[in-house]
Structures are given as C-alpha cells and as structure tokens.
Amino acid sequence: MSHETTVARRQVEITNGLGLHVRPAQKFVELACRFQAEIRVRHNGTEVDGKSILSLTTMAAECGTRLELEARGPDATAAVEALAGLVSARFYEDENGEPIPAEPGMEPAR
C-alpha cells in the first residue's frame, strides 16, 4: 500500500490593484480552509502558511508580485486550481479594492 502524498504547485501573479491586502487574504484563507491539503505560499525565499491571514498579509504582495502556491494532501490539485482561480479573478475586486460579483462556478461550493 502506497502512502504517497499528492503535491500540486502553480505560479500565480497578483493582478488586483491593491495587492494581497487583508480582504483578499481573508478570501484566500477562507477558500484554502475548505481543503484538507496543507497550503504553502512562497515568494522571494519566504514561505508562509496559506491558511493563515496574518502570514499572507506579512508577505506584502503588491500588484505584479509572482507567488508560488503549493498544496500537499489528498485534494492538493483541486486546492491549487481553486486558489489560482481566485487570484486570477483578482479576488473579485475592482482596481479600487471594491468587491465585484463572483462568477458562478469560480469557487467550489461550501
């Protein structure tokens, strides 16, 4: 019987105007916590827990910052896909940080 852990990685770029501030970090953490996988986020040699809002906000990831998402666990691939989708959707914010409606199907159901 194999005890291999599924690992998934993806590069993403922060494209929302205000970067990874508190509100997008909260959305990221809420989505990450829906998955069993351990979520790590890397930037410039720093690695943080993707399920910790404090850790994410301390990265000070501005617009244009490239991050590497990594998930380890049974649902790692789904986790990385969902989180990358959230980032590419600019955390459902406009350029001023105001919320915009989420498109149906972009995030997994609760």
Protein backbone atom coordinates (compact mmCIF):
# COMPACT_ATOMS: atom_id res chain seq x y z
CA MET A 1 0.00 0.00 0.00
CA SER A 2 1.41 3.38 -1.02
CA HIS A 3 1.47 6.36 1.34
CA GLU A 4 2.45 8.93 -1.27
CA THR A 5 1.20 12.45 -0.74
CA THR A 6 -0.18 14.36 -3.70
CA VAL A 7 1.68 17.61 -4.28
CA ALA A 8 0.46 20.33 -6.63
CA ARG A 9 2.20 23.61 -7.47
CA ARG A 10 1.34 26.62 -9.57
CA GLN A 11 2.80 30.05 -10.20
CA VAL A 12 0.35 32.95 -9.93
CA GLU A 13 0.62 36.70 -10.29
CA ILE A 14 -1.19 39.20 -8.09
CA THR A 15 -3.09 41.42 -10.56
CA ASN A 16 -5.57 43.28 -8.40
CA GLY A 17 -4.62 46.93 -7.94
CA LEU A 18 -4.20 46.92 -4.16
CA GLY A 19 -2.32 43.61 -3.96
CA LEU A 20 -2.74 40.96 -1.29
CA HIS A 21 -4.16 43.19 1.44
CA VAL A 22 -6.42 42.00 4.27
CA ARG A 23 -9.67 41.46 2.32
CA PRO A 24 -8.14 39.31 -0.46
CA ALA A 25 -6.02 37.46 2.10
CA GLN A 26 -9.20 36.64 4.01
CA LYS A 27 -10.83 35.30 0.83
CA PHE A 28 -7.73 33.22 0.11
CA VAL A 29 -7.66 31.75 3.63
CA GLU A 30 -11.41 31.01 3.64
CA LEU A 31 -11.04 29.14 0.35
CA ALA A 32 -7.84 27.36 1.43
CA CYS A 33 -9.51 26.15 4.63
CA ARG A 34 -12.14 24.30 2.58
CA PHE A 35 -9.47 21.80 1.60
CA GLN A 36 -7.70 19.13 3.63
CA ALA A 37 -4.38 19.82 1.91
CA GLU A 38 -1.65 21.82 3.58
CA ILE A 39 -1.30 25.08 1.63
CA ARG A 40 2.02 26.93 1.36
CA VAL A 41 2.70 30.22 -0.44
CA ARG A 42 6.24 31.20 -1.49
CA HIS A 43 7.77 34.50 -2.59
CA ASN A 44 11.44 35.52 -2.75
CA GLY A 45 12.61 32.71 -0.48
CA THR A 46 9.86 33.27 2.07
CA GLU A 47 7.31 30.52 2.65
CA VAL A 48 4.11 31.04 4.64
CA ASP A 49 1.04 29.06 5.66
CA GLY A 50 -1.71 29.68 3.11
CA LYS A 51 -4.34 29.12 5.80
CA SER A 52 -3.06 32.00 7.96
CA ILE A 53 -4.30 35.50 7.18
CA LEU A 54 -1.51 37.05 9.25
CA SER A 55 1.16 35.10 7.38
CA LEU A 56 -0.27 36.07 3.99
CA THR A 57 -0.54 39.77 4.77
CA THR A 58 3.05 39.92 6.06
CA MET A 59 4.23 38.96 2.55
CA ALA A 60 3.24 42.46 1.39
CA ALA A 61 2.50 41.09 -2.11
CA GLU A 62 1.72 44.09 -4.31
CA CYS A 63 0.20 44.10 -7.78
CA GLY A 64 2.62 42.32 -10.10
CA THR A 65 4.07 40.04 -7.41
CA ARG A 66 4.58 36.43 -8.51
CA LEU A 67 3.82 33.76 -5.93
CA GLU A 68 4.17 30.00 -5.94
CA LEU A 69 1.24 28.08 -4.49
CA GLU A 70 1.89 24.59 -3.19
CA ALA A 71 -0.59 22.13 -1.73
CA ARG A 72 0.13 18.73 -0.16
CA GLY A 73 -2.66 16.31 0.57
CA PRO A 74 -5.49 14.28 -0.92
CA ASP A 75 -7.16 17.29 -2.56
CA ALA A 76 -3.97 19.20 -3.44
CA THR A 77 -4.71 19.57 -7.14
CA ALA A 78 -8.23 20.89 -6.54
CA ALA A 79 -6.93 23.29 -3.88
CA VAL A 80 -4.28 24.80 -6.14
CA GLU A 81 -6.73 25.10 -9.03
CA ALA A 82 -9.31 26.87 -6.86
CA LEU A 83 -6.78 29.23 -5.26
CA ALA A 84 -5.16 30.06 -8.61
CA GLY A 85 -8.65 30.80 -9.94
CA LEU A 86 -9.29 33.19 -7.07
CA VAL A 87 -6.02 35.00 -7.71
CA SER A 88 -6.63 35.21 -11.47
CA ALA A 89 -10.12 36.62 -10.75
CA ARG A 90 -8.32 39.43 -8.87
CA PHE A 91 -10.01 38.27 -5.66
CA TYR A 92 -13.26 39.63 -7.10
CA GLU A 93 -12.18 43.23 -6.56
CA ASP A 94 -12.05 46.21 -8.89
CA GLU A 95 -8.99 48.47 -9.17
CA ASN A 96 -10.06 50.41 -6.05
CA GLY A 97 -10.49 47.30 -3.91
CA GLU A 98 -14.27 47.39 -4.16
CA PRO A 99 -16.00 43.99 -4.36
CA ILE A 100 -17.30 42.81 -7.71
CA PRO A 101 -19.69 39.87 -8.16
CA ALA A 102 -18.09 36.45 -8.33
CA GLU A 103 -18.79 34.49 -11.48
CA PRO A 104 -20.73 31.27 -10.87
CA GLY A 105 -18.53 28.19 -10.80
CA MET A 106 -15.30 30.03 -9.99
CA GLU A 107 -15.14 28.77 -6.42
CA PRO A 108 -16.08 25.36 -5.04
CA ALA A 109 -19.38 25.11 -3.16
CA ARG A 110 -19.24 25.17 0.62
